[in-house]
Protein backbone atom coordinates (compact mmCIF):
# COMPACT_ATOMS: atom_id res chain seq x y z
CA UNK A 1 11.11 11.94 20.79
CA UNK A 2 12.94 8.28 20.36
CA UNK A 3 11.34 5.45 22.16
CA UNK A 4 13.56 2.25 22.88
CA UNK A 5 11.55 -0.44 24.40
CA UNK A 6 13.03 -4.26 25.05
CA UNK A 7 11.25 -7.28 24.74
CA UNK A 8 11.05 -10.08 27.40
CA UNK A 9 13.55 -12.23 27.49
CA UNK A 10 15.96 -10.22 25.36
CA UNK A 11 19.85 -11.46 25.16
CA UNK A 12 22.30 -12.94 23.04
CA UNK A 13 20.47 -15.99 21.38
CA UNK A 14 22.40 -19.51 22.80
CA UNK A 15 24.25 -20.98 19.81
CA UNK A 16 23.47 -24.46 20.80
CA UNK A 17 19.74 -25.69 19.42
CA UNK A 18 18.51 -28.42 21.44
CA UNK A 19 16.28 -31.76 19.53
CA UNK A 20 13.16 -30.17 20.00
CA UNK A 21 13.95 -26.74 17.58
CA UNK A 22 14.09 -24.39 20.50
CA UNK A 23 17.20 -23.10 22.19
CA UNK A 24 19.81 -24.66 25.05
CA UNK A 25 18.80 -22.86 28.21
CA UNK A 26 21.63 -22.30 30.90
CA UNK A 27 21.55 -25.63 32.18
CA UNK A 28 21.84 -27.28 28.85
CA UNK A 29 19.19 -29.71 26.94
CA UNK A 30 16.66 -31.64 28.48
CA UNK A 31 17.59 -35.53 27.82
CA UNK A 32 14.76 -38.14 27.36
CA UNK A 33 14.90 -39.35 30.45
CA UNK A 34 13.90 -35.73 31.30
CA UNK A 35 10.99 -35.57 28.59
CA UNK A 36 7.61 -34.50 29.47
CA UNK A 37 5.88 -37.65 31.43
CA UNK A 38 3.30 -35.51 33.07
CA UNK A 39 -0.48 -35.60 31.86
CA UNK A 40 -0.71 -31.84 31.19
CA UNK A 41 -0.33 -30.15 27.93
CA UNK A 42 2.92 -28.59 27.98
CA UNK A 43 6.24 -29.81 27.63
CA UNK A 44 7.68 -29.81 30.75
CA UNK A 45 8.09 -32.34 33.67
CA UNK A 46 6.25 -30.31 36.41
CA UNK A 47 2.60 -31.68 37.31
CA UNK A 48 0.75 -28.24 37.00
CA UNK A 49 -1.51 -27.17 34.01
CA UNK A 50 -0.62 -23.58 33.18
CA UNK A 51 2.02 -22.69 30.18
CA UNK A 52 3.01 -19.86 31.32
CA UNK A 53 6.16 -20.70 32.80
CA UNK A 54 7.22 -22.96 30.23
CA UNK A 55 10.37 -21.55 27.70
CA UNK A 56 9.60 -19.45 24.45
CA UNK A 57 11.38 -17.85 22.04
CA UNK A 58 13.53 -14.95 23.23
CA UNK A 59 12.33 -11.65 21.26
CA UNK A 60 15.08 -9.17 20.58
CA UNK A 61 13.35 -6.71 18.77
CA UNK A 62 12.76 -3.22 20.43
CA UNK A 63 11.42 0.21 19.08
CA UNK A 64 13.50 2.36 17.53
CA UNK A 65 11.24 5.07 16.36
CA UNK A 66 8.46 6.35 16.13
CA UNK A 67 6.09 8.79 13.70
CA UNK A 68 4.81 11.01 15.19
CA UNK A 69 6.78 11.25 18.40
CA UNK A 70 6.11 11.88 21.88
CA UNK A 71 3.89 15.14 21.41
CA UNK A 72 4.22 15.99 18.37
CA UNK A 73 2.35 17.30 15.75
CA UNK A 74 0.64 15.39 13.12
CA UNK A 75 -1.91 15.19 10.12
CA UNK A 76 -4.63 13.96 11.07
CA UNK A 77 -5.07 11.72 7.67
CA UNK A 78 -1.60 10.98 7.83
CA UNK A 79 -0.22 7.21 8.77
CA UNK A 80 0.98 6.05 12.10
CA UNK A 81 4.36 4.22 12.27
CA UNK A 82 6.54 2.46 14.46
CA UNK A 83 10.05 1.35 13.44
CA UNK A 84 11.60 -1.99 15.15
CA UNK A 85 14.84 -2.80 15.25
CA UNK A 86 14.08 -6.16 13.84
CA UNK A 87 11.14 -8.07 12.44
CA UNK A 88 8.59 -8.76 15.41
CA UNK A 89 6.64 -12.18 15.23
CA UNK A 90 3.32 -9.58 15.49
CA UNK A 91 2.24 -6.22 16.41
CA UNK A 92 -0.71 -4.34 16.82
CA UNK A 93 -1.25 -0.67 17.08
CA UNK A 94 -4.53 1.19 18.39
CA UNK A 95 -5.09 5.11 18.09
CA UNK A 96 -7.75 6.81 20.27
CA UNK A 97 -10.41 8.26 18.81
CA UNK A 98 -9.62 7.02 14.84
CA UNK A 99 -10.54 3.96 13.22
CA UNK A 100 -7.80 2.36 10.93
CA UNK A 101 -5.90 -1.05 9.77
CA UNK A 102 -2.36 -1.93 10.61
CA UNK A 103 -0.09 -3.49 8.79
CA UNK A 104 2.79 -4.99 9.73
CA UNK A 105 5.44 -5.14 6.82
CA UNK A 106 9.27 -6.65 7.73
CA UNK A 107 10.28 -3.92 10.45
CA UNK A 108 7.62 -1.40 10.24
CA UNK A 109 4.37 -1.24 11.27
CA UNK A 110 2.25 0.94 9.84
CA UNK A 111 -1.70 2.25 11.01
CA UNK A 112 -3.47 3.81 7.97
CA UNK A 113 -6.76 5.62 9.35
CA UNK A 114 -10.16 4.49 7.22
CA UNK A 115 -11.52 7.42 8.96
CA UNK A 116 -9.87 10.54 9.63
CA UNK A 117 -8.38 11.63 13.47
CA UNK A 118 -10.36 14.99 14.73
CA UNK A 119 -8.27 17.67 13.88
CA UNK A 120 -6.91 19.96 16.40
CA UNK A 121 -6.75 16.85 19.15
CA UNK A 122 -4.44 15.24 21.49
CA UNK A 123 -4.95 11.28 20.21
CA UNK A 124 -3.27 8.24 22.32
CA UNK A 125 -1.11 5.48 20.35
CA UNK A 126 -0.80 2.02 22.21
CA UNK A 127 1.77 -0.53 20.01
CA UNK A 128 1.87 -4.21 20.87
CA UNK A 129 4.20 -6.35 20.14
CA UNK A 130 6.22 -9.49 22.29
CA UNK A 131 4.22 -9.06 25.13
CA UNK A 132 4.83 -5.83 25.06
CA UNK A 133 2.79 -2.60 25.10
CA UNK A 134 3.85 0.62 25.10
CA UNK A 135 2.04 4.21 24.87
CA UNK A 136 2.56 7.66 23.53
CA UNK A 137 0.51 11.00 22.71
CA UNK A 138 0.64 13.27 19.63
CA UNK A 139 -1.94 16.10 18.59
CA UNK A 140 -3.78 16.02 15.39
CA UNK A 141 -3.07 19.84 13.25
CA UNK A 142 -5.83 22.19 13.24
CA UNK A 143 -5.96 21.48 9.72
CA UNK A 144 -9.46 19.60 8.66
CA UNK A 145 -12.01 22.10 8.70
CA UNK A 146 -13.11 24.03 5.30
CA UNK A 147 -11.69 27.08 4.26
CA UNK A 148 -13.44 30.30 4.93
CA UNK A 149 -11.34 32.79 2.89
CA UNK A 150 -10.85 33.44 -0.99
CA UNK A 151 -7.74 31.38 -1.74
CA UNK A 152 -7.54 33.23 -5.18
CA UNK A 153 -4.32 35.22 -5.64
CA UNK A 154 -2.79 33.67 -2.32
CA UNK A 155 1.04 32.02 -2.97
CA UNK A 156 2.70 29.49 -0.94
CA UNK A 157 6.05 28.33 -0.34
CA UNK A 158 7.12 24.41 -0.41
CA UNK A 159 10.39 24.26 1.18
CA UNK A 160 12.84 21.53 -0.46
CA UNK A 161 13.45 19.70 2.88
CA UNK A 162 9.13 19.96 3.40
CA UNK A 163 7.97 16.09 3.12
CA UNK A 164 9.52 12.51 3.92
CA UNK A 165 10.17 9.88 1.49
CA UNK A 166 8.63 6.99 2.75
CA UNK A 167 8.58 4.36 0.25
CA UNK A 168 11.23 3.06 -0.94
CA UNK A 169 11.85 2.27 2.61
CA UNK A 170 15.55 3.11 3.72
CA UNK A 171 15.83 5.05 0.54
CA UNK A 172 14.62 7.96 1.59
CA UNK A 173 17.46 9.92 3.07
CA UNK A 174 19.02 9.16 0.05
CA UNK A 175 16.57 10.43 -1.71
CA UNK A 176 15.78 13.64 0.43
CA UNK A 177 19.28 14.46 0.54
CA UNK A 178 19.08 15.40 -3.29
CA UNK A 179 16.03 17.72 -2.76
CA UNK A 180 17.07 21.35 -3.14
CA UNK A 181 14.85 23.05 -5.17
CA UNK A 182 11.66 25.23 -3.09
CA UNK A 183 8.60 26.01 -5.09
CA UNK A 184 5.79 28.82 -5.09
CA UNK A 185 2.13 27.55 -5.65
CA UNK A 186 0.18 30.14 -6.77
CA UNK A 187 -3.98 29.64 -6.62
CA UNK A 188 -4.72 31.34 -10.02
CA UNK A 189 -8.72 30.18 -10.36
CA UNK A 190 -11.38 28.50 -7.70
CA UNK A 191 -14.61 27.17 -9.44
CA UNK A 192 -16.94 25.02 -7.74
CA UNK A 193 -14.91 21.51 -7.60
CA UNK A 194 -11.87 22.46 -9.07
CA UNK A 195 -8.87 24.60 -7.72
CA UNK A 196 -6.35 26.09 -10.82
CA UNK A 197 -2.75 26.36 -9.49
CA UNK A 198 0.09 27.03 -11.23
CA UNK A 199 3.55 26.38 -9.75
CA UNK A 200 6.75 27.97 -10.09
CA UNK A 201 10.30 26.96 -9.54
CA UNK A 202 12.36 28.84 -6.58
CA UNK A 203 15.93 29.82 -6.41
CA UNK A 204 17.99 31.68 -4.01
CA UNK A 205 14.56 33.65 -2.57
CA UNK A 206 12.88 34.34 -6.44
CA UNK A 207 11.45 32.85 -9.11
CA UNK A 208 13.77 30.85 -10.85
CA UNK A 209 13.96 32.56 -14.74
CA UNK A 210 15.16 29.54 -16.28
CA UNK A 211 12.76 27.22 -14.94
CA UNK A 212 9.19 27.35 -17.03
CA UNK A 213 6.31 27.90 -14.27
CA UNK A 214 3.32 24.56 -14.67
CA UNK A 215 -0.96 25.09 -14.40
CA UNK A 216 -2.90 22.51 -13.58
CA UNK A 217 -6.17 21.35 -12.03
CA UNK A 218 -6.97 19.57 -8.88
CA UNK A 219 -10.21 17.98 -7.45
CA UNK A 220 -11.47 20.21 -4.47
CA UNK A 221 -14.76 19.07 -4.21
CA UNK A 222 -13.75 17.87 -0.47
CA UNK A 223 -12.91 21.44 0.42
CA UNK A 224 -10.29 21.37 2.37
CA UNK A 225 -8.83 18.40 0.94
CA UNK A 226 -7.32 18.59 -3.05
CA UNK A 227 -6.52 15.51 -4.82
CA UNK A 228 -4.72 14.94 -8.67
CA UNK A 229 -4.62 11.88 -10.19
CA UNK A 230 -4.06 9.18 -10.27
CA UNK A 231 -3.06 9.32 -14.01
CA UNK A 232 0.32 8.54 -16.32
CA UNK A 233 1.87 11.82 -16.60
CA UNK A 234 4.60 12.51 -18.77
CA UNK A 235 6.61 14.84 -17.02
CA UNK A 236 9.37 15.36 -19.81
CA UNK A 237 9.46 14.01 -23.41
CA UNK A 238 11.61 10.88 -22.05
CA UNK A 239 10.42 10.81 -18.45
CA UNK A 240 7.01 9.04 -17.50
CA UNK A 241 5.47 9.01 -13.92
CA UNK A 242 2.50 6.31 -13.73
CA UNK A 243 -0.39 6.38 -11.91
CA UNK A 244 0.82 9.84 -9.98
CA UNK A 245 -1.33 10.98 -7.13
CA UNK A 246 -0.95 14.26 -5.29
CA UNK A 247 -2.86 15.04 -2.39
CA UNK A 248 -2.76 17.97 0.68
CA UNK A 249 -5.26 19.80 2.38
CA UNK A 250 -5.67 23.96 3.14
CA UNK A 251 -5.92 25.42 6.77
CA UNK A 252 -9.39 26.79 7.33
CA UNK A 253 -7.57 30.42 6.91
CA UNK A 254 -5.72 29.58 4.17
CA UNK A 255 -2.04 30.24 5.45
CA UNK A 256 -1.00 26.52 4.91
CA UNK A 257 -1.23 23.38 3.42
CA UNK A 258 -0.86 20.11 5.09
CA UNK A 259 -0.24 16.44 4.77
CA UNK A 260 1.05 16.66 1.10
CA UNK A 261 1.05 13.66 -0.35
CA UNK A 262 3.05 11.83 -3.86
CA UNK A 263 2.94 8.96 -5.08
CA UNK A 264 3.90 7.54 -8.42
CA UNK A 265 6.19 4.57 -10.72
CA UNK A 266 9.10 6.78 -11.44
CA UNK A 267 11.32 5.54 -14.93
CA UNK A 268 14.69 5.44 -13.26
CA UNK A 269 16.34 5.15 -16.65
CA UNK A 270 16.40 9.17 -17.49
CA UNK A 271 17.67 10.15 -13.68
CA UNK A 272 20.73 7.89 -14.35
CA UNK A 273 22.81 10.79 -16.01
CA UNK A 274 21.59 12.65 -12.42
CA UNK A 275 23.24 10.75 -10.56
CA UNK A 276 25.81 8.76 -12.27
CA UNK A 277 27.63 9.97 -15.79
CA UNK A 278 27.99 7.63 -18.67
CA UNK A 279 26.02 5.43 -16.04
CA UNK A 280 23.78 2.04 -17.36
CA UNK A 281 20.55 1.69 -17.34
CA UNK A 282 19.96 -0.31 -14.02
CA UNK A 283 22.25 2.26 -12.51
CA UNK A 284 19.54 3.81 -10.51
CA UNK A 285 18.13 0.09 -9.71
CA UNK A 286 21.63 -1.00 -8.48
CA UNK A 287 21.92 2.00 -6.35
CA UNK A 288 18.71 1.23 -4.53
CA UNK A 289 19.12 -2.83 -4.66
CA UNK A 290 21.96 -1.64 -1.94
CA UNK A 291 19.13 -0.76 0.47
CA UNK A 292 17.29 -4.05 -0.22
CA UNK A 293 15.13 -1.79 -2.83
CA UNK A 294 14.26 -3.83 -5.81
CA UNK A 295 12.50 -2.13 -8.98
CA UNK A 296 9.42 -2.85 -10.56
CA UNK A 297 8.26 -3.79 -13.91
CA UNK A 298 7.52 -0.16 -16.01
CA UNK A 299 5.05 -0.07 -18.91
CA UNK A 300 7.62 -0.95 -21.64
CA UNK A 301 8.15 -4.66 -19.19
CA UNK A 302 11.55 -3.39 -18.60
CA UNK A 303 12.23 -3.77 -14.74
CA UNK A 304 13.78 -0.54 -13.77
CA UNK A 305 10.98 1.51 -12.04
CA UNK A 306 11.02 2.63 -8.88
CA UNK A 307 7.67 3.21 -6.60
CA UNK A 308 8.15 6.51 -4.69
CA UNK A 309 5.84 8.33 -2.25
CA UNK A 310 6.48 11.35 0.04
CA UNK A 311 4.32 12.09 2.26
CA UNK A 312 3.79 14.73 5.27
CA UNK A 313 4.62 18.01 2.74
CA UNK A 314 3.82 21.18 4.25
CA UNK A 315 3.69 24.87 2.30
CA UNK A 316 3.25 28.04 3.93
CA UNK A 317 1.55 31.36 2.84
CA UNK A 318 4.04 33.98 1.46
CA UNK A 319 3.69 37.25 0.28
CA UNK A 320 5.07 37.15 -2.90
CA UNK A 321 4.06 36.78 -6.72
CA UNK A 322 4.59 34.20 -9.40
CA UNK A 323 4.88 35.02 -13.51
CA UNK A 324 3.55 32.21 -15.35
CA UNK A 325 6.24 31.67 -18.01
CA UNK A 326 5.94 29.01 -21.00
CA UNK A 327 9.64 30.07 -21.92
CA UNK A 328 13.08 30.33 -20.53
CA UNK A 329 13.73 33.98 -19.99
CA UNK A 330 15.66 35.41 -22.80
CA UNK A 331 19.05 36.03 -20.34
CA UNK A 332 19.48 32.27 -19.76
CA UNK A 333 21.73 30.48 -21.43
CA UNK A 334 20.89 27.37 -23.80
CA UNK A 335 22.63 24.67 -21.63
CA UNK A 336 20.73 26.11 -18.91
CA UNK A 337 17.60 25.97 -20.98
CA UNK A 338 17.83 22.42 -22.37
CA UNK A 339 18.90 21.41 -18.65
CA UNK A 340 15.41 22.13 -16.95
CA UNK A 341 13.63 21.32 -20.59
CA UNK A 342 12.72 25.17 -20.94
CA UNK A 343 13.24 24.54 -24.34
CA UNK A 344 10.26 21.92 -24.35
CA UNK A 345 6.66 22.27 -23.48
CA UNK A 346 6.23 20.95 -20.27
CA UNK A 347 2.99 19.32 -19.56
CA UNK A 348 0.31 20.82 -16.86
CA UNK A 349 1.55 19.52 -13.29
CA UNK A 350 4.82 18.57 -14.19
CA UNK A 351 6.97 21.11 -12.52
CA UNK A 352 5.41 20.62 -9.01
CA UNK A 353 4.87 16.94 -9.21
CA UNK A 354 8.61 16.80 -10.75
CA UNK A 355 10.20 18.45 -7.80
CA UNK A 356 7.95 16.58 -5.31
CA UNK A 357 9.42 13.56 -6.39
CA UNK A 358 13.05 14.79 -6.22
CA UNK A 359 13.67 14.39 -9.95
CA UNK A 360 13.65 18.34 -10.98
CA UNK A 361 16.11 18.28 -7.80
CA UNK A 362 17.78 15.01 -8.29
CA UNK A 363 21.07 16.15 -9.74
CA UNK A 364 24.99 15.37 -8.98
CA UNK A 365 25.64 18.26 -6.08
CA UNK A 366 28.99 20.08 -7.33
């Protein structure tokens, strides 16, 4: 549900600016004879001591979206965001039953919990900006309690459209449009604080024969929370993702994984052929620059890397299997093997991380 709120005094700003730096009121700028002559501290000519009737800067900012929206389910560790139509001078956000830090960056206010919200609970969020205040309610999902089942042997499917690309801001919908790869996640071993997973690509409801599976270990010491990284990850021989992190949490019954978050610094150069044939090294960076996003410096000193964050991903249990493959199936055409890197050794965790970042599914639509 999108909530639209207008600030007090919203309207077209006058073109004329008075000598004091404020927009001209309807009656025009005050002359020198109308200057402040009383003894109080405000700038008008009345003799009262209040300032609440004086002119103030007009505020034309309004709320355009909320995440989560009114009544929506929200993972208890995920940030809460308010999106504005412009850049408010200041904004604050408070959430009942939780402690966190609110940061205003441009037109987005993000509240990040410093302690997890109580799962399976209704919470109220209140945003204050431009002398306005608005509140809405949301419900945290029933994920957060330790697992009470054996995870080994279970398989979950993560759909291609699961998760939101929140960084780079404004480019998420573009990147999401290229995500077209479903994943199967198989828990093969749980030993103490380590959870071993094997991930396979899925095409047309079947495990993809022309893509290798990947095996990697996650830290499961904070049951039901799993984490991976941060670590530099060489996804393919020519594709490095710096400071890669992955996190998420299992439901107590093991039926789902929620709050999947992936972040990393992606070298855009290997992606150029996937989005523009015969493109220059800076093609991807030029593309995102049109959305006001700047590439950052890569490990080799070139400003051709992109910070990518995907949040709110989910996966659901399925009655399927995963067959580990270190090589392509013998029936796979050579050119298809090359395109999915089956001909080379893929490092642990690469398949899942590539897909989550939109890299494995980032290719020109035909």
